[in-house]
Amino acid sequence: MSNGARTDTGGERRYRREEVARAAGVKVRNLRYYQERGLLPPPRREGRIAWYSDDHLTRLRLVSDLLGRGYTVNGIAELLAAWEQGGGLSQLLGLEREMTRDWVQEDPVSMTRAELRELFGPAASAEDTRRAAELGYVRLDGDRVTYPSRRLLEATVALVRQGVPLAEILDAGDFVQSQAAALADRFVGLFRRHVIGPDGLERLSATQLDHIREAVAALRPVAGEVVAAEFARAMARRVEAEVAELLRTEQ
């Protein structure tokens, strides 16, 4: 898995300390602090290894989100305690898992730098690799290079073999990322305003959380279908215009 998670015999994903921190976007040292303040349950230990679960990851993301919205650590602890006492925390964590799962299902590809050079040939430079890492298309670990997305790797290789410079592919990728972020903001904003509502998640009942979870499952494919359909329509119009321009220049 691209986030470093392993799967135990029961089918549950588990993470080492560094892996769960990286997946949640927090510093490793914050894990112990959150545990000491009652924001994070202790991990399960096997010998000297501390294993964290998807529930830990969900809780870390929730804490980060609440901190980003201006809550204090003490306020978050009180909020989590109230949710736990009322039984609403499990509903909230389940909702968070439902809202975030299945968006990214990728098959990572790992190779040595020598294999990377062989794959791309002289088209790839050290600067290209550095920029690809900045954009999140690759992860660098010593001599190992990991592509989190096999699909994006294969698309990049196909474009390079057609003669498109890798630097320009990365320019296009940077542009696509910014546009995708804007689209995600728009869709999430619609969901936040019209499905979750103005009160946010804190005051919703278990029944309302269940309704939102069902709405997430129903609406998740809609976003992808809308974007794919509109991109296909735009490409058809743009290619038609380009062909018409080429025909005019030939006359």
C-alpha atoms as a PDB file:
ATOM      1  CA  MET A   1       0.000   0.000   0.000  1.00  0.00           C
ATOM      2  CA  SER A   2       1.226   3.467  -0.839  1.00  0.00           C
ATOM      3  CA  ASN A   3       0.840   4.771   2.713  1.00  0.00           C
ATOM      4  CA  GLY A   4       3.057   2.007   4.144  1.00  0.00           C
ATOM      5  CA  ALA A   5       0.220   0.211   5.936  1.00  0.00           C
ATOM      6  CA  ARG A   6       0.324  -3.530   6.509  1.00  0.00           C
ATOM      7  CA  THR A   7      -2.617  -5.870   6.859  1.00  0.00           C
ATOM      8  CA  ASP A   8      -2.816  -8.237   9.833  1.00  0.00           C
ATOM      9  CA  THR A   9      -4.364 -11.696   9.881  1.00  0.00           C
ATOM     10  CA  GLY A  10      -7.787 -10.222  10.630  1.00  0.00           C
ATOM     11  CA  GLY A  11      -7.689  -8.035   7.516  1.00  0.00           C
ATOM     12  CA  GLU A  12      -7.200  -4.799   9.477  1.00  0.00           C
ATOM     13  CA  ARG A  13      -4.588  -2.317   8.330  1.00  0.00           C
ATOM     14  CA  ARG A  14      -1.882  -1.394  10.804  1.00  0.00           C
ATOM     15  CA  TYR A  15       0.885   1.199  10.778  1.00  0.00           C
ATOM     16  CA  ARG A  16       4.194   1.825  12.502  1.00  0.00           C
ATOM     17  CA  ARG A  17       4.588   5.137  14.314  1.00  0.00           C
ATOM     18  CA  GLU A  18       6.294   6.933  11.416  1.00  0.00           C
ATOM     19  CA  GLU A  19       3.791   5.560   8.894  1.00  0.00           C
ATOM     20  CA  VAL A  20       0.647   6.642  10.727  1.00  0.00           C
ATOM     21  CA  ALA A  21       2.147  10.079  11.390  1.00  0.00           C
ATOM     22  CA  ARG A  22       3.013  10.522   7.726  1.00  0.00           C
ATOM     23  CA  ALA A  23      -0.422   9.326   6.586  1.00  0.00           C
ATOM     24  CA  ALA A  24      -2.115  11.760   8.983  1.00  0.00           C
ATOM     25  CA  GLY A  25       0.198  14.649   8.133  1.00  0.00           C
ATOM     26  CA  VAL A  26       1.432  15.158  11.706  1.00  0.00           C
ATOM     27  CA  LYS A  27       4.846  15.066  13.329  1.00  0.00           C
ATOM     28  CA  VAL A  28       5.911  11.822  14.989  1.00  0.00           C
ATOM     29  CA  ARG A  29       6.574  13.583  18.290  1.00  0.00           C
ATOM     30  CA  ASN A  30       2.937  14.703  18.393  1.00  0.00           C
ATOM     31  CA  LEU A  31       1.717  11.104  18.801  1.00  0.00           C
ATOM     32  CA  ARG A  32       3.063  10.781  22.343  1.00  0.00           C
ATOM     33  CA  TYR A  33       1.782  14.254  23.217  1.00  0.00           C
ATOM     34  CA  TYR A  34      -1.707  13.433  21.935  1.00  0.00           C
ATOM     35  CA  GLN A  35      -1.694  10.181  23.923  1.00  0.00           C
ATOM     36  CA  GLU A  36      -0.631  12.009  27.084  1.00  0.00           C
ATOM     37  CA  ARG A  37      -3.465  14.521  26.615  1.00  0.00           C
ATOM     38  CA  GLY A  38      -6.065  11.827  26.018  1.00  0.00           C
ATOM     39  CA  LEU A  39      -6.594  12.654  22.350  1.00  0.00           C
ATOM     40  CA  LEU A  40      -5.228   9.360  21.031  1.00  0.00           C
ATOM     41  CA  PRO A  41      -5.572   5.841  22.453  1.00  0.00           C
ATOM     42  CA  PRO A  42      -2.307   3.959  23.017  1.00  0.00           C
ATOM     43  CA  PRO A  43      -1.142   1.688  20.190  1.00  0.00           C
ATOM     44  CA  ARG A  44      -1.134  -2.086  20.345  1.00  0.00           C
ATOM     45  CA  ARG A  45       2.340  -3.372  21.109  1.00  0.00           C
ATOM     46  CA  GLU A  46       4.095  -6.458  19.812  1.00  0.00           C
ATOM     47  CA  GLY A  47       7.421  -6.590  21.579  1.00  0.00           C
ATOM     48  CA  ARG A  48       9.153  -3.288  20.910  1.00  0.00           C
ATOM     49  CA  ILE A  49       6.930  -2.379  17.937  1.00  0.00           C
ATOM     50  CA  ALA A  50       3.933  -0.092  18.423  1.00  0.00           C
ATOM     51  CA  TRP A  51       1.168  -0.751  15.912  1.00  0.00           C
ATOM     52  CA  TYR A  52      -1.469   1.857  15.042  1.00  0.00           C
ATOM     53  CA  SER A  53      -4.786   1.113  13.333  1.00  0.00           C
ATOM     54  CA  ASP A  54      -7.085   2.900  10.907  1.00  0.00           C
ATOM     55  CA  ASP A  55      -9.007   4.162  13.948  1.00  0.00           C
ATOM     56  CA  HIS A  56      -5.817   5.852  15.177  1.00  0.00           C
ATOM     57  CA  LEU A  57      -5.314   7.375  11.735  1.00  0.00           C
ATOM     58  CA  THR A  58      -8.896   8.622  11.654  1.00  0.00           C
ATOM     59  CA  ARG A  59      -8.570  10.101  15.154  1.00  0.00           C
ATOM     60  CA  LEU A  60      -5.312  11.857  14.195  1.00  0.00           C
ATOM     61  CA  ARG A  61      -6.932  13.384  11.133  1.00  0.00           C
ATOM     62  CA  LEU A  62      -9.894  14.493  13.205  1.00  0.00           C
ATOM     63  CA  VAL A  63      -7.630  16.119  15.800  1.00  0.00           C
ATOM     64  CA  SER A  64      -5.659  17.899  13.051  1.00  0.00           C
ATOM     65  CA  ASP A  65      -8.879  19.150  11.494  1.00  0.00           C
ATOM     66  CA  LEU A  66     -10.200  20.455  14.827  1.00  0.00           C
ATOM     67  CA  LEU A  67      -6.882  22.175  15.580  1.00  0.00           C
ATOM     68  CA  GLY A  68      -7.045  23.774  12.145  1.00  0.00           C
ATOM     69  CA  ARG A  69     -10.525  25.084  12.941  1.00  0.00           C
ATOM     70  CA  GLY A  70      -9.280  26.852  16.055  1.00  0.00           C
ATOM     71  CA  TYR A  71     -10.020  24.315  18.796  1.00  0.00           C
ATOM     72  CA  THR A  72      -7.514  24.086  21.648  1.00  0.00           C
ATOM     73  CA  VAL A  73      -6.026  20.776  22.766  1.00  0.00           C
ATOM     74  CA  ASN A  74      -8.072  20.944  25.979  1.00  0.00           C
ATOM     75  CA  GLY A  75     -11.208  21.755  23.997  1.00  0.00           C
ATOM     76  CA  ILE A  76     -10.630  18.807  21.676  1.00  0.00           C
ATOM     77  CA  ALA A  77     -10.101  16.494  24.659  1.00  0.00           C
ATOM     78  CA  GLU A  78     -13.400  17.634  26.177  1.00  0.00           C
ATOM     79  CA  LEU A  79     -15.179  17.283  22.831  1.00  0.00           C
ATOM     80  CA  LEU A  80     -13.850  13.771  22.290  1.00  0.00           C
ATOM     81  CA  ALA A  81     -14.763  12.778  25.851  1.00  0.00           C
ATOM     82  CA  ALA A  82     -18.309  14.040  25.365  1.00  0.00           C
ATOM     83  CA  TRP A  83     -18.654  12.176  22.075  1.00  0.00           C
ATOM     84  CA  GLU A  84     -17.305   8.980  23.651  1.00  0.00           C
ATOM     85  CA  GLN A  85     -19.671   9.200  26.614  1.00  0.00           C
ATOM     86  CA  GLY A  86     -22.611   9.758  24.294  1.00  0.00           C
ATOM     87  CA  GLY A  87     -21.582   7.015  21.904  1.00  0.00           C
ATOM     88  CA  GLY A  88     -21.327   9.493  19.059  1.00  0.00           C
ATOM     89  CA  LEU A  89     -17.589   9.247  18.506  1.00  0.00           C
ATOM     90  CA  SER A  90     -17.768   5.839  16.855  1.00  0.00           C
ATOM     91  CA  GLN A  91     -20.432   7.236  14.531  1.00  0.00           C
ATOM     92  CA  LEU A  92     -18.255  10.235  13.727  1.00  0.00           C
ATOM     93  CA  LEU A  93     -15.165   8.112  13.113  1.00  0.00           C
ATOM     94  CA  GLY A  94     -17.194   5.776  10.942  1.00  0.00           C
ATOM     95  CA  LEU A  95     -18.423   8.744   8.954  1.00  0.00           C
ATOM     96  CA  GLU A  96     -14.876  10.028   8.479  1.00  0.00           C
ATOM     97  CA  ARG A  97     -13.754   6.619   7.235  1.00  0.00           C
ATOM     98  CA  GLU A  98     -16.710   6.489   4.847  1.00  0.00           C
ATOM     99  CA  MET A  99     -15.990   9.980   3.538  1.00  0.00           C
ATOM    100  CA  THR A 100     -12.298   9.331   2.888  1.00  0.00           C
ATOM    101  CA  ARG A 101     -12.103   5.674   1.825  1.00  0.00           C
ATOM    102  CA  ASP A 102     -12.089   4.519  -1.810  1.00  0.00           C
ATOM    103  CA  TRP A 103     -11.124   7.892  -3.243  1.00  0.00           C
ATOM    104  CA  VAL A 104      -7.587   6.718  -3.924  1.00  0.00           C
ATOM    105  CA  GLN A 105      -7.051   3.083  -4.867  1.00  0.00           C
ATOM    106  CA  GLU A 106      -3.620   2.861  -6.395  1.00  0.00           C
ATOM    107  CA  ASP A 107      -1.010   0.213  -7.020  1.00  0.00           C
ATOM    108  CA  PRO A 108       2.407   1.686  -6.093  1.00  0.00           C
ATOM    109  CA  VAL A 109       5.515   0.858  -8.112  1.00  0.00           C
ATOM    110  CA  SER A 110       8.989   0.867  -6.549  1.00  0.00           C
ATOM    111  CA  MET A 111      12.296   0.728  -8.393  1.00  0.00           C
ATOM    112  CA  THR A 112      15.936   1.735  -8.082  1.00  0.00           C
ATOM    113  CA  ARG A 113      17.212   4.970  -9.578  1.00  0.00           C
ATOM    114  CA  ALA A 114      19.088   2.888 -12.167  1.00  0.00           C
ATOM    115  CA  GLU A 115      15.831   1.204 -13.185  1.00  0.00           C
ATOM    116  CA  LEU A 116      14.181   4.632 -13.377  1.00  0.00           C
ATOM    117  CA  ARG A 117      16.894   5.870 -15.756  1.00  0.00           C
ATOM    118  CA  GLU A 118      16.483   2.735 -17.859  1.00  0.00           C
ATOM    119  CA  LEU A 119      12.718   3.239 -17.995  1.00  0.00           C
ATOM    120  CA  PHE A 120      12.845   6.876 -19.114  1.00  0.00           C
ATOM    121  CA  GLY A 121      16.222   6.929 -20.822  1.00  0.00           C
ATOM    122  CA  PRO A 122      17.896  10.301 -21.371  1.00  0.00           C
ATOM    123  CA  ALA A 123      14.494  12.037 -21.161  1.00  0.00           C
ATOM    124  CA  ALA A 124      14.659  12.138 -17.342  1.00  0.00           C
ATOM    125  CA  SER A 125      17.048  14.431 -15.502  1.00  0.00           C
ATOM    126  CA  ALA A 126      17.841  14.768 -11.799  1.00  0.00           C
ATOM    127  CA  GLU A 127      15.863  18.026 -11.813  1.00  0.00           C
ATOM    128  CA  ASP A 128      12.830  16.225 -13.247  1.00  0.00           C
ATOM    129  CA  THR A 129      13.041  13.613 -10.486  1.00  0.00           C
ATOM    130  CA  ARG A 130      13.319  16.328  -7.823  1.00  0.00           C
ATOM    131  CA  ARG A 131      10.308  18.170  -9.198  1.00  0.00           C
ATOM    132  CA  ALA A 132       8.286  14.959  -9.510  1.00  0.00           C
ATOM    133  CA  ALA A 133       8.971  14.360  -5.816  1.00  0.00           C
ATOM    134  CA  GLU A 134       7.818  17.900  -4.952  1.00  0.00           C
ATOM    135  CA  LEU A 135       4.566  17.284  -6.838  1.00  0.00           C
ATOM    136  CA  GLY A 136       4.033  13.980  -5.017  1.00  0.00           C
ATOM    137  CA  TYR A 137       4.366  11.803  -8.102  1.00  0.00           C
ATOM    138  CA  VAL A 138       7.340   9.941  -6.615  1.00  0.00           C
ATOM    139  CA  ARG A 139       8.793   9.291  -3.180  1.00  0.00           C
ATOM    140  CA  LEU A 140      12.562   9.141  -2.824  1.00  0.00           C
ATOM    141  CA  ASP A 141      14.232   6.951  -0.207  1.00  0.00           C
ATOM    142  CA  GLY A 142      17.958   6.632  -0.795  1.00  0.00           C
ATOM    143  CA  ASP A 143      18.412   4.661  -3.997  1.00  0.00           C
ATOM    144  CA  ARG A 144      14.732   3.673  -4.132  1.00  0.00           C
ATOM    145  CA  VAL A 145      12.082   5.565  -6.076  1.00  0.00           C
ATOM    146  CA  THR A 146       8.408   4.790  -5.467  1.00  0.00           C
ATOM    147  CA  TYR A 147       5.546   5.864  -7.709  1.00  0.00           C
ATOM    148  CA  PRO A 148       2.373   5.861  -5.554  1.00  0.00           C
ATOM    149  CA  SER A 149       0.264   5.556  -8.728  1.00  0.00           C
ATOM    150  CA  ARG A 150       0.983   2.919 -11.366  1.00  0.00           C
ATOM    151  CA  ARG A 151      -1.607   4.576 -13.630  1.00  0.00           C
ATOM    152  CA  LEU A 152       0.173   7.924 -13.557  1.00  0.00           C
ATOM    153  CA  LEU A 153       3.538   6.232 -14.130  1.00  0.00           C
ATOM    154  CA  GLU A 154       2.217   4.372 -17.163  1.00  0.00           C
ATOM    155  CA  ALA A 155       0.637   7.560 -18.542  1.00  0.00           C
ATOM    156  CA  THR A 156       3.913   9.435 -18.102  1.00  0.00           C
ATOM    157  CA  VAL A 157       5.939   6.716 -19.829  1.00  0.00           C
ATOM    158  CA  ALA A 158       3.460   6.646 -22.726  1.00  0.00           C
ATOM    159  CA  LEU A 159       3.748  10.417 -23.225  1.00  0.00           C
ATOM    160  CA  VAL A 160       7.553  10.349 -23.040  1.00  0.00           C
ATOM    161  CA  ARG A 161       7.690   7.581 -25.644  1.00  0.00           C
ATOM    162  CA  GLN A 162       5.573   9.768 -27.918  1.00  0.00           C
ATOM    163  CA  GLY A 163       8.210  12.475 -27.674  1.00  0.00           C
ATOM    164  CA  VAL A 164       6.699  14.767 -25.021  1.00  0.00           C
ATOM    165  CA  PRO A 165       9.482  16.205 -22.791  1.00  0.00           C
ATOM    166  CA  LEU A 166       9.215  15.069 -19.200  1.00  0.00           C
ATOM    167  CA  ALA A 167       9.599  18.626 -17.938  1.00  0.00           C
ATOM    168  CA  GLU A 168       6.477  19.654 -19.887  1.00  0.00           C
ATOM    169  CA  ILE A 169       4.571  16.624 -18.593  1.00  0.00           C
ATOM    170  CA  LEU A 170       5.380  17.788 -15.060  1.00  0.00           C
ATOM    171  CA  ASP A 171       4.211  21.309 -15.965  1.00  0.00           C
ATOM    172  CA  ALA A 172       0.922  19.806 -17.117  1.00  0.00           C
ATOM    173  CA  GLY A 173       0.727  17.693 -13.961  1.00  0.00           C
ATOM    174  CA  ASP A 174       1.227  20.764 -11.795  1.00  0.00           C
ATOM    175  CA  PHE A 175      -1.609  22.497 -13.649  1.00  0.00           C
ATOM    176  CA  VAL A 176      -3.899  19.458 -13.357  1.00  0.00           C
ATOM    177  CA  GLN A 177      -3.246  19.229  -9.617  1.00  0.00           C
ATOM    178  CA  SER A 178      -4.267  22.854  -9.101  1.00  0.00           C
ATOM    179  CA  GLN A 179      -7.421  22.390 -11.164  1.00  0.00           C
ATOM    180  CA  ALA A 180      -8.252  19.128  -9.372  1.00  0.00           C
ATOM    181  CA  ALA A 181      -7.843  20.870  -6.017  1.00  0.00           C
ATOM    182  CA  ALA A 182     -10.255  23.590  -7.133  1.00  0.00           C
ATOM    183  CA  LEU A 183     -12.774  20.967  -8.266  1.00  0.00           C
ATOM    184  CA  ALA A 184     -12.446  19.088  -4.971  1.00  0.00           C
ATOM    185  CA  ASP A 185     -13.012  22.335  -3.066  1.00  0.00           C
ATOM    186  CA  ARG A 186     -16.155  23.018  -5.091  1.00  0.00           C
ATOM    187  CA  PHE A 187     -17.656  19.543  -4.580  1.00  0.00           C
ATOM    188  CA  VAL A 188     -16.782  19.418  -0.880  1.00  0.00           C
ATOM    189  CA  GLY A 189     -18.255  22.901  -0.432  1.00  0.00           C
ATOM    190  CA  LEU A 190     -21.527  21.776  -1.993  1.00  0.00           C
ATOM    191  CA  PHE A 191     -21.625  18.717   0.258  1.00  0.00           C
ATOM    192  CA  ARG A 192     -20.769  20.736   3.354  1.00  0.00           C
ATOM    193  CA  ARG A 193     -23.456  23.350   2.740  1.00  0.00           C
ATOM    194  CA  HIS A 194     -26.310  21.204   1.494  1.00  0.00           C
ATOM    195  CA  VAL A 195     -25.806  17.727   2.993  1.00  0.00           C
ATOM    196  CA  ILE A 196     -24.024  18.314   6.317  1.00  0.00           C
ATOM    197  CA  GLY A 197     -25.598  21.709   6.911  1.00  0.00           C
ATOM    198  CA  PRO A 198     -24.565  24.839   8.833  1.00  0.00           C
ATOM    199  CA  ASP A 199     -24.214  23.187  12.252  1.00  0.00           C
ATOM    200  CA  GLY A 200     -21.311  20.976  11.193  1.00  0.00           C
ATOM    201  CA  LEU A 201     -20.829  17.489  12.596  1.00  0.00           C
ATOM    202  CA  GLU A 202     -20.621  18.268  16.300  1.00  0.00           C
ATOM    203  CA  ARG A 203     -24.369  18.584  16.930  1.00  0.00           C
ATOM    204  CA  LEU A 204     -25.642  15.894  14.605  1.00  0.00           C
ATOM    205  CA  SER A 205     -27.412  12.842  15.976  1.00  0.00           C
ATOM    206  CA  ALA A 206     -26.405   9.279  15.183  1.00  0.00           C
ATOM    207  CA  THR A 207     -29.341   9.053  12.748  1.00  0.00           C
ATOM    208  CA  GLN A 208     -28.208  12.194  10.939  1.00  0.00           C
ATOM    209  CA  LEU A 209     -24.630  10.880  10.749  1.00  0.00           C
ATOM    210  CA  ASP A 210     -25.942   7.660   9.229  1.00  0.00           C
ATOM    211  CA  HIS A 211     -27.838   9.711   6.646  1.00  0.00           C
ATOM    212  CA  ILE A 212     -24.684  11.632   5.756  1.00  0.00           C
ATOM    213  CA  ARG A 213     -22.722   8.374   5.454  1.00  0.00           C
ATOM    214  CA  GLU A 214     -25.309   7.043   2.997  1.00  0.00           C
ATOM    215  CA  ALA A 215     -25.172  10.307   1.061  1.00  0.00           C
ATOM    216  CA  VAL A 216     -21.378  10.054   0.805  1.00  0.00           C
ATOM    217  CA  ALA A 217     -21.610   6.536  -0.598  1.00  0.00           C
ATOM    218  CA  ALA A 218     -24.230   7.645  -3.134  1.00  0.00           C
ATOM    219  CA  LEU A 219     -22.501  10.833  -4.213  1.00  0.00           C
ATOM    220  CA  ARG A 220     -18.871   9.634  -4.310  1.00  0.00           C
ATOM    221  CA  PRO A 221     -19.054   8.315  -7.888  1.00  0.00           C
ATOM    222  CA  VAL A 222     -20.955  11.386  -9.070  1.00  0.00           C
ATOM    223  CA  ALA A 223     -17.956  13.688  -8.724  1.00  0.00           C
ATOM    224  CA  GLY A 224     -15.741  11.411 -10.796  1.00  0.00           C
ATOM    225  CA  GLU A 225     -18.409  10.892 -13.435  1.00  0.00           C
ATOM    226  CA  VAL A 226     -19.058  14.620 -13.803  1.00  0.00           C
ATOM    227  CA  VAL A 227     -15.373  15.437 -14.155  1.00  0.00           C
ATOM    228  CA  ALA A 228     -14.754  12.593 -16.625  1.00  0.00           C
ATOM    229  CA  ALA A 229     -17.775  13.535 -18.749  1.00  0.00           C
ATOM    230  CA  GLU A 230     -16.937  17.231 -18.863  1.00  0.00           C
ATOM    231  CA  PHE A 231     -13.280  16.543 -19.654  1.00  0.00           C
ATOM    232  CA  ALA A 232     -14.292  14.224 -22.505  1.00  0.00           C
ATOM    233  CA  ARG A 233     -16.634  16.899 -23.896  1.00  0.00           C
ATOM    234  CA  ALA A 234     -13.941  19.568 -23.603  1.00  0.00           C
ATOM    235  CA  MET A 235     -11.353  17.333 -25.298  1.00  0.00           C
ATOM    236  CA  ALA A 236     -13.742  16.606 -28.163  1.00  0.00           C
ATOM    237  CA  ARG A 237     -14.337  20.328 -28.722  1.00  0.00           C
ATOM    238  CA  ARG A 238     -10.646  21.180 -28.454  1.00  0.00           C
ATOM    239  CA  VAL A 239      -9.503  18.404 -30.806  1.00  0.00           C
ATOM    240  CA  GLU A 240     -12.173  19.362 -33.343  1.00  0.00           C
ATOM    241  CA  ALA A 241     -10.982  22.971 -33.252  1.00  0.00           C
ATOM    242  CA  GLU A 242      -7.349  21.897 -33.606  1.00  0.00           C
ATOM    243  CA  VAL A 243      -8.102  19.673 -36.595  1.00  0.00           C
ATOM    244  CA  ALA A 244     -10.033  22.511 -38.242  1.00  0.00           C
ATOM    245  CA  GLU A 245      -7.064  24.830 -37.704  1.00  0.00           C
ATOM    246  CA  LEU A 246      -4.667  22.293 -39.212  1.00  0.00           C
ATOM    247  CA  LEU A 247      -6.903  21.894 -42.264  1.00  0.00           C
ATOM    248  CA  ARG A 248      -6.988  25.660 -42.768  1.00  0.00           C
ATOM    249  CA  THR A 249      -3.197  25.907 -42.673  1.00  0.00           C
ATOM    250  CA  GLU A 250      -2.917  23.163 -45.313  1.00  0.00           C
ATOM    251  CA  GLN A 251      -5.050  25.066 -47.813  1.00  0.00           C
END
